[in-house]
Amino acid sequence: MGRVDCHDQEVDSDLELATVIDTAHRQGRLLDAAAQQPLDLAAAYAVQRRLTALRTARGAARIGFKLGYTSQVMREQMGVDQPNHGPLLDTMRITDGRLPADLIHPRVEPEIALVLGEDLRPVAAHAALEVVDSIWRDYRFTLELNTADGSSAAGLVLGPPLLMEGLDALPVRLTRNGELVGEGTGAAAMGHPLLALEWLQRALAGTDDRLRAGDVVITGGLTAAVPLDEGDVVAADFGDGTATVALRRA
């Protein structure tokens, strides 16, 4: 009997789950997390890399990273106990203010985005909205399955610039159809968005993933994520309300 290479088995398993996740997104199908084999976090990131490879093979390009669950409110909402990260792709950029029609059950959260300079330090900050769209039914998943799914990253609206000073104290108000649905400050992201960026730098150390000049890093939801039904408009006001970013679901 020939020798079985355990590493090859792991690679095949990573690709198999990545393909299942990729196909579910493309076909608009939901999967049951409870039916999946348990993963550890290292295996989850391996699946995430295979998923990203499938997407970049179709022409997508990585433009940065997203951080998930950097705030206590998001960890409590989703029942996870630590942050994670996932790639941002150019296909996720939303520039027309409209939610893509092919998402399964999208939710939106306000974030502070950082843009990295040549020395990989932030040179700009922006108001932002992140769209998440999990293929796990009812958003019920483990941290590992969410990580395998790219931390549910699905869309990014990059809004007006923000002052770099005092990002931790910056207030944000999230409204849906004019009704207040969440409030927070930049400090929700690990105490400061810059601390969230430092966490990402440590998390990527020793991996094949690298930060690059020009990368956009969204530093985590500052309020709970809210779903959008047809016709809904969600808007986030940062600071004194002069920096606003909005998104409509047609």
Protein backbone atom coordinates (compact mmCIF):
# COMPACT_ATOMS: atom_id res chain seq x y z
CA MET A 1 0.00 0.00 0.00
CA GLY A 2 1.37 3.40 -0.91
CA ARG A 3 2.14 6.02 1.74
CA VAL A 4 -0.58 8.58 2.42
CA ASP A 5 0.77 12.12 2.63
CA CYS A 6 -1.08 13.81 5.52
CA HIS A 7 -0.08 17.26 4.26
CA ASP A 8 -1.73 16.55 0.91
CA GLN A 9 -4.86 15.41 2.73
CA GLU A 10 -4.95 18.68 4.66
CA VAL A 11 -4.51 20.73 1.48
CA ASP A 12 -7.31 18.79 -0.22
CA SER A 13 -9.56 19.32 2.79
CA ASP A 14 -8.79 23.06 2.79
CA LEU A 15 -9.62 23.34 -0.90
CA GLU A 16 -12.78 21.27 -0.53
CA LEU A 17 -14.27 23.51 2.16
CA ALA A 18 -13.09 26.66 0.35
CA THR A 19 -14.85 25.44 -2.80
CA VAL A 20 -18.04 24.71 -0.87
CA ILE A 21 -18.01 28.23 0.63
CA ASP A 22 -17.18 29.85 -2.71
CA THR A 23 -19.94 27.96 -4.51
CA ALA A 24 -22.48 28.85 -1.82
CA HIS A 25 -21.72 32.56 -2.22
CA ARG A 26 -21.91 32.39 -6.00
CA GLN A 27 -25.17 30.43 -6.00
CA GLY A 28 -26.78 32.37 -3.12
CA ARG A 29 -27.14 29.31 -0.88
CA LEU A 30 -26.95 29.11 2.90
CA LEU A 31 -25.05 26.38 4.73
CA ASP A 32 -25.61 24.91 8.18
CA ALA A 33 -22.62 25.46 10.45
CA ALA A 34 -23.67 22.58 12.69
CA ALA A 35 -23.19 20.15 9.80
CA GLN A 36 -19.52 21.08 9.31
CA GLN A 37 -16.53 19.23 10.71
CA PRO A 38 -14.80 21.14 13.53
CA LEU A 39 -11.83 23.32 12.54
CA ASP A 40 -9.06 24.89 14.54
CA LEU A 41 -8.17 28.50 13.81
CA ALA A 42 -4.99 27.66 11.87
CA ALA A 43 -6.99 25.38 9.57
CA ALA A 44 -9.65 28.08 9.20
CA TYR A 45 -7.10 30.59 7.94
CA ALA A 46 -5.75 27.96 5.54
CA VAL A 47 -9.26 27.57 4.12
CA GLN A 48 -9.57 31.37 3.92
CA ARG A 49 -6.38 31.57 1.85
CA ARG A 50 -7.69 28.91 -0.53
CA LEU A 51 -10.99 30.81 -0.83
CA THR A 52 -9.11 34.01 -1.63
CA ALA A 53 -7.05 32.14 -4.23
CA LEU A 54 -10.23 30.95 -5.95
CA ARG A 55 -11.48 34.53 -6.12
CA THR A 56 -8.23 36.07 -7.30
CA ALA A 57 -7.97 33.37 -9.98
CA ARG A 58 -11.18 34.86 -11.41
CA GLY A 59 -9.57 38.31 -11.56
CA ALA A 60 -10.13 39.84 -8.11
CA ALA A 61 -7.23 41.65 -6.43
CA ARG A 62 -6.57 42.16 -2.74
CA ILE A 63 -6.75 45.81 -1.63
CA GLY A 64 -6.35 45.37 2.11
CA PHE A 65 -7.77 43.63 5.15
CA LYS A 66 -10.81 43.71 7.38
CA LEU A 67 -10.80 43.12 11.10
CA GLY A 68 -13.69 41.32 12.72
CA TYR A 69 -14.90 41.33 16.33
CA THR A 70 -12.54 44.01 17.60
CA SER A 71 -15.43 45.46 19.62
CA GLN A 72 -17.21 43.92 22.58
CA VAL A 73 -20.60 44.73 21.06
CA MET A 74 -19.81 42.69 17.93
CA ARG A 75 -18.38 39.77 19.93
CA GLU A 76 -21.52 39.69 22.06
CA GLN A 77 -23.80 39.96 19.01
CA MET A 78 -22.14 37.05 17.22
CA GLY A 79 -21.12 34.91 20.19
CA VAL A 80 -17.37 34.85 19.50
CA ASP A 81 -14.61 35.54 21.98
CA GLN A 82 -11.72 36.97 19.95
CA PRO A 83 -10.97 39.02 16.84
CA ASN A 84 -10.17 37.66 13.40
CA HIS A 85 -9.28 39.06 10.00
CA GLY A 86 -10.01 38.53 6.33
CA PRO A 87 -9.01 39.97 2.96
CA LEU A 88 -10.61 42.94 1.25
CA LEU A 89 -10.85 42.53 -2.53
CA ASP A 90 -11.39 45.15 -5.21
CA THR A 91 -14.60 43.36 -6.16
CA MET A 92 -15.98 44.33 -2.74
CA ARG A 93 -15.68 48.09 -3.32
CA ILE A 94 -19.09 49.79 -3.53
CA THR A 95 -18.91 53.14 -5.26
CA ASP A 96 -22.51 53.83 -6.29
CA GLY A 97 -24.11 53.80 -2.83
CA ARG A 98 -26.18 50.73 -3.63
CA LEU A 99 -25.97 47.33 -2.00
CA PRO A 100 -25.04 44.63 -4.54
CA ALA A 101 -28.09 42.61 -5.55
CA ASP A 102 -26.35 39.23 -5.41
CA LEU A 103 -25.76 39.12 -1.65
CA ILE A 104 -27.58 36.52 0.44
CA HIS A 105 -28.49 38.19 3.74
CA PRO A 106 -26.30 41.27 4.12
CA ARG A 107 -25.72 43.30 7.25
CA VAL A 108 -23.97 46.65 7.60
CA GLU A 109 -21.73 48.11 10.30
CA PRO A 110 -19.85 51.42 10.64
CA GLU A 111 -16.06 51.29 10.76
CA ILE A 112 -12.97 53.48 10.69
CA ALA A 113 -10.77 52.68 7.69
CA LEU A 114 -7.02 53.29 7.68
CA VAL A 115 -4.93 53.70 4.52
CA LEU A 116 -1.29 52.64 4.76
CA GLY A 117 1.66 54.58 3.41
CA GLU A 118 5.03 53.44 2.11
CA ASP A 119 6.27 52.66 5.63
CA LEU A 120 3.07 50.66 6.31
CA ARG A 121 1.93 53.23 8.82
CA PRO A 122 -1.49 54.86 8.40
CA VAL A 123 -1.43 58.07 6.38
CA ALA A 124 -5.20 58.62 6.22
CA ALA A 125 -8.40 57.63 7.98
CA HIS A 126 -11.88 57.44 6.47
CA ALA A 127 -15.44 56.94 7.58
CA ALA A 128 -16.57 53.59 6.22
CA LEU A 129 -19.37 51.09 6.06
CA GLU A 130 -18.63 47.40 5.84
CA VAL A 131 -21.13 44.97 4.35
CA VAL A 132 -20.94 41.45 5.73
CA ASP A 133 -22.70 38.52 4.10
CA SER A 134 -22.26 35.14 5.75
CA ILE A 135 -23.09 31.88 4.00
CA TRP A 136 -23.75 30.34 7.44
CA ARG A 137 -27.50 30.18 8.03
CA ASP A 138 -28.91 32.79 10.43
CA TYR A 139 -25.38 34.08 11.07
CA ARG A 140 -24.85 31.14 13.44
CA PHE A 141 -21.25 30.02 13.22
CA THR A 142 -18.08 29.40 15.16
CA LEU A 143 -15.20 31.84 15.02
CA GLU A 144 -13.36 29.26 12.91
CA LEU A 145 -16.11 28.88 10.31
CA ASN A 146 -16.52 32.64 10.10
CA THR A 147 -12.76 32.96 9.59
CA ALA A 148 -12.81 30.33 6.83
CA ASP A 149 -15.49 32.46 5.12
CA GLY A 150 -13.18 35.50 5.07
CA SER A 151 -14.76 36.94 8.22
CA SER A 152 -17.92 37.44 6.12
CA ALA A 153 -16.37 40.34 4.17
CA ALA A 154 -18.62 41.26 1.25
CA GLY A 155 -18.59 45.01 0.67
CA LEU A 156 -16.85 48.27 1.53
CA VAL A 157 -18.06 51.84 1.20
CA LEU A 158 -15.16 54.23 1.76
CA GLY A 159 -16.47 57.59 2.88
CA PRO A 160 -15.06 61.03 3.70
CA PRO A 161 -11.65 61.49 5.33
CA LEU A 162 -11.35 61.80 9.09
CA LEU A 163 -8.76 63.58 11.20
CA MET A 164 -6.10 61.14 12.37
CA GLU A 165 -6.03 62.70 15.82
CA GLY A 166 -8.56 61.51 18.38
CA LEU A 167 -9.93 58.55 16.43
CA ASP A 168 -10.60 56.71 19.67
CA ALA A 169 -12.91 59.47 20.91
CA LEU A 170 -14.68 59.93 17.56
CA PRO A 171 -18.43 59.29 18.00
CA VAL A 172 -20.47 57.41 15.40
CA ARG A 173 -24.24 57.17 15.00
CA LEU A 174 -25.79 54.51 12.79
CA THR A 175 -29.29 55.06 11.41
CA ARG A 176 -31.58 52.94 9.27
CA ASN A 177 -34.31 54.85 7.44
CA GLY A 178 -33.58 57.80 9.70
CA GLU A 179 -34.03 55.82 12.93
CA LEU A 180 -31.09 55.48 15.31
CA VAL A 181 -30.01 51.82 15.51
CA GLY A 182 -26.55 52.08 17.07
CA GLU A 183 -24.03 54.38 18.68
CA GLY A 184 -20.36 53.98 19.53
CA THR A 185 -16.93 55.54 19.38
CA GLY A 186 -13.64 54.67 17.74
CA ALA A 187 -12.49 53.23 21.06
CA ALA A 188 -14.79 50.24 20.43
CA ALA A 189 -12.10 48.91 18.08
CA MET A 190 -9.72 47.46 20.69
CA GLY A 191 -9.49 50.77 22.50
CA HIS A 192 -8.21 52.63 19.43
CA PRO A 193 -8.24 51.87 15.67
CA LEU A 194 -4.44 52.11 15.68
CA LEU A 195 -4.29 49.36 18.31
CA ALA A 196 -6.49 47.24 16.07
CA LEU A 197 -4.01 47.79 13.24
CA GLU A 198 -1.17 46.72 15.52
CA TRP A 199 -3.10 43.54 16.33
CA LEU A 200 -3.42 42.80 12.63
CA GLN A 201 0.30 43.35 12.10
CA ARG A 202 1.06 40.81 14.84
CA ALA A 203 -1.51 38.36 13.49
CA LEU A 204 0.03 38.47 9.99
CA ALA A 205 3.61 38.08 11.24
CA GLY A 206 5.08 34.79 10.11
CA THR A 207 2.35 34.17 7.52
CA ASP A 208 2.35 34.47 3.75
CA ASP A 209 -0.02 37.44 3.99
CA ARG A 210 1.62 40.85 4.05
CA LEU A 211 0.49 44.42 4.46
CA ARG A 212 1.40 46.62 1.50
CA ALA A 213 1.59 50.33 0.81
CA GLY A 214 -1.84 51.57 -0.22
CA ASP A 215 -3.70 48.85 1.66
CA VAL A 216 -7.03 49.75 3.23
CA VAL A 217 -7.60 48.27 6.69
CA ILE A 218 -11.05 48.51 8.21
CA THR A 219 -10.63 48.19 11.94
CA GLY A 220 -13.87 46.56 13.10
CA GLY A 221 -17.52 47.35 13.61
CA LEU A 222 -18.19 50.15 16.10
CA THR A 223 -21.83 49.13 16.65
CA ALA A 224 -23.77 45.95 16.16
CA ALA A 225 -24.34 45.03 12.52
CA VAL A 226 -27.82 45.75 11.14
CA PRO A 227 -29.69 43.94 8.35
CA LEU A 228 -31.16 45.78 5.38
CA ASP A 229 -34.46 44.97 3.69
CA GLU A 230 -35.45 46.18 0.24
CA GLY A 231 -35.73 49.96 0.16
CA ASP A 232 -33.76 50.48 3.38
CA VAL A 233 -31.13 53.19 3.67
CA VAL A 234 -28.42 52.94 6.31
CA ALA A 235 -26.16 55.88 7.17
CA ALA A 236 -23.32 56.44 9.61
CA ASP A 237 -22.47 59.90 10.93
CA PHE A 238 -18.98 60.33 12.33
CA GLY A 239 -17.91 63.14 14.64
CA ASP A 240 -20.08 66.22 14.35
CA GLY A 241 -22.03 64.72 11.47
CA THR A 242 -19.99 66.30 8.70
CA ALA A 243 -18.52 62.90 7.75
CA THR A 244 -21.43 60.74 6.61
CA VAL A 245 -21.42 57.54 4.61
CA ALA A 246 -24.64 55.89 3.37
CA LEU A 247 -25.84 52.80 1.55
CA ARG A 248 -29.19 51.86 0.01
CA ARG A 249 -30.68 48.46 -0.69
CA ALA A 250 -32.75 48.70 -3.86
